[in-house]
C-alpha atoms as a PDB file:
ATOM      1  CA  MET A   1     113.255 109.882  74.176  1.00  0.00           C
ATOM      2  CA  SER A   2     112.541 109.860  78.094  1.00  0.00           C
ATOM      3  CA  LYS A   3     112.201 112.655  80.463  1.00  0.00           C
ATOM      4  CA  ARG A   4     112.457 112.747  84.042  1.00  0.00           C
ATOM      5  CA  PHE A   5     109.996 114.167  86.377  1.00  0.00           C
ATOM      6  CA  THR A   6     109.516 114.385  90.209  1.00  0.00           C
ATOM      7  CA  ALA A   7     107.399 112.015  91.849  1.00  0.00           C
ATOM      8  CA  VAL A   8     106.072 111.934  95.509  1.00  0.00           C
ATOM      9  CA  VAL A   9     104.489 109.120  97.165  1.00  0.00           C
ATOM     10  CA  THR A  10     102.583 109.515 100.571  1.00  0.00           C
ATOM     11  CA  LYS A  11     100.440 107.096 102.408  1.00  0.00           C
ATOM     12  CA  GLU A  12      96.812 107.753 102.917  1.00  0.00           C
ATOM     13  CA  ASP A  13      94.813 105.366 104.995  1.00  0.00           C
ATOM     14  CA  THR A  14      95.547 102.260 103.237  1.00  0.00           C
ATOM     15  CA  TRP A  15      96.407 103.695  99.897  1.00  0.00           C
ATOM     16  CA  TYR A  16      99.545 104.841  98.630  1.00  0.00           C
ATOM     17  CA  VAL A  17      99.164 107.947  96.548  1.00  0.00           C
ATOM     18  CA  ALA A  18     101.678 108.917  93.996  1.00  0.00           C
ATOM     19  CA  HIS A  19     101.674 112.524  92.414  1.00  0.00           C
ATOM     20  CA  CYS A  20     103.849 113.843  89.541  1.00  0.00           C
ATOM     21  CA  VAL A  21     104.860 117.373  90.936  1.00  0.00           C
ATOM     22  CA  GLU A  22     105.702 119.232  87.482  1.00  0.00           C
ATOM     23  CA  LEU A  23     102.450 117.897  85.888  1.00  0.00           C
ATOM     24  CA  GLY A  24      99.868 117.324  88.433  1.00  0.00           C
ATOM     25  CA  VAL A  25      98.994 113.738  87.603  1.00  0.00           C
ATOM     26  CA  VAL A  26      98.036 111.576  90.427  1.00  0.00           C
ATOM     27  CA  SER A  27      97.512 107.830  90.901  1.00  0.00           C
ATOM     28  CA  GLN A  28      97.395 105.289  93.744  1.00  0.00           C
ATOM     29  CA  GLY A  29      98.051 101.814  94.861  1.00  0.00           C
ATOM     30  CA  LYS A  30      98.042  99.193  97.533  1.00  0.00           C
ATOM     31  CA  THR A  31     101.795  99.321  97.669  1.00  0.00           C
ATOM     32  CA  ILE A  32     104.503 101.838  96.963  1.00  0.00           C
ATOM     33  CA  GLU A  33     105.320  99.826  93.971  1.00  0.00           C
ATOM     34  CA  GLU A  34     101.985  99.590  92.683  1.00  0.00           C
ATOM     35  CA  ALA A  35     101.399 103.415  93.220  1.00  0.00           C
ATOM     36  CA  GLN A  36     104.693 103.962  91.114  1.00  0.00           C
ATOM     37  CA  VAL A  37     103.798 101.777  88.355  1.00  0.00           C
ATOM     38  CA  ASN A  38     100.141 103.189  88.289  1.00  0.00           C
ATOM     39  CA  LEU A  39     101.557 106.617  88.036  1.00  0.00           C
ATOM     40  CA  LYS A  40     103.938 106.010  85.367  1.00  0.00           C
ATOM     41  CA  GLU A  41     101.148 104.442  83.509  1.00  0.00           C
ATOM     42  CA  ALA A  42      99.047 107.574  83.998  1.00  0.00           C
ATOM     43  CA  VAL A  43     101.715 110.033  82.979  1.00  0.00           C
ATOM     44  CA  GLU A  44     102.555 108.515  79.728  1.00  0.00           C
ATOM     45  CA  PRO A  45      99.151 108.921  78.061  1.00  0.00           C
ATOM     46  CA  TYR A  46      98.781 112.458  79.693  1.00  0.00           C
ATOM     47  CA  LEU A  47     102.178 113.423  78.013  1.00  0.00           C
ATOM     48  CA  GLU A  48     101.134 112.199  74.384  1.00  0.00           C
ATOM     49  CA  SER A  49      98.727 115.199  74.408  1.00  0.00           C
ATOM     50  CA  PHE A  50     101.872 117.453  74.569  1.00  0.00           C
ATOM     51  CA  GLY A  51     104.204 118.123  71.302  1.00  0.00           C
ATOM     52  CA  SER A  52     107.879 117.009  72.574  1.00  0.00           C
ATOM     53  CA  GLU A  53     108.982 121.084  72.468  1.00  0.00           C
ATOM     54  CA  ASP A  54     105.918 121.754  74.822  1.00  0.00           C
ATOM     55  CA  LEU A  55     106.737 119.162  77.620  1.00  0.00           C
ATOM     56  CA  PRO A  56     106.993 120.810  80.968  1.00  0.00           C
ATOM     57  CA  ASP A  57     110.572 120.801  82.612  1.00  0.00           C
ATOM     58  CA  SER A  58     111.550 118.913  85.671  1.00  0.00           C
ATOM     59  CA  LYS A  59     111.665 121.113  88.994  1.00  0.00           C
ATOM     60  CA  GLY A  60     115.316 120.110  89.236  1.00  0.00           C
ATOM     61  CA  GLU A  61     116.582 119.589  92.824  1.00  0.00           C
ATOM     62  CA  VAL A  62     113.684 118.483  95.330  1.00  0.00           C
ATOM     63  CA  ALA A  63     114.090 118.537  99.317  1.00  0.00           C
ATOM     64  CA  LEU A  64     111.795 116.887 101.361  1.00  0.00           C
ATOM     65  CA  TYR A  65     111.788 117.758 104.992  1.00  0.00           C
ATOM     66  CA  PRO A  66     109.438 117.562 108.163  1.00  0.00           C
ATOM     67  CA  LEU A  67     107.673 120.680 108.635  1.00  0.00           C
ATOM     68  CA  GLU A  68     106.577 121.659 112.131  1.00  0.00           C
ATOM     69  CA  VAL A  69     104.298 124.537 112.797  1.00  0.00           C
ATOM     70  CA  ALA A  70     102.101 125.969 115.506  1.00  0.00           C
ATOM     71  CA  VAL A  71      98.365 125.495 114.878  1.00  0.00           C
ATOM     72  CA  PRO A  72      95.665 127.351 116.928  1.00  0.00           C
ATOM     73  CA  ALA A  73      94.305 125.647 119.985  1.00  0.00           C
END
């Protein structure tokens, strides 16, 4: 059985940080691809702690957009 979750990758300094939104699992890598592989390797054992009926659901549709806000001077 497989299940789909939402992953977001951001660049922080020289590392790419991958975050699984629904599970709160985070990993990193020197490349986007490495971060993705590392996140998958981190999520799989995390999910083993759940029963198949207790798995969290995907958030569904995700929209990413630039957010510009005013900040105090």
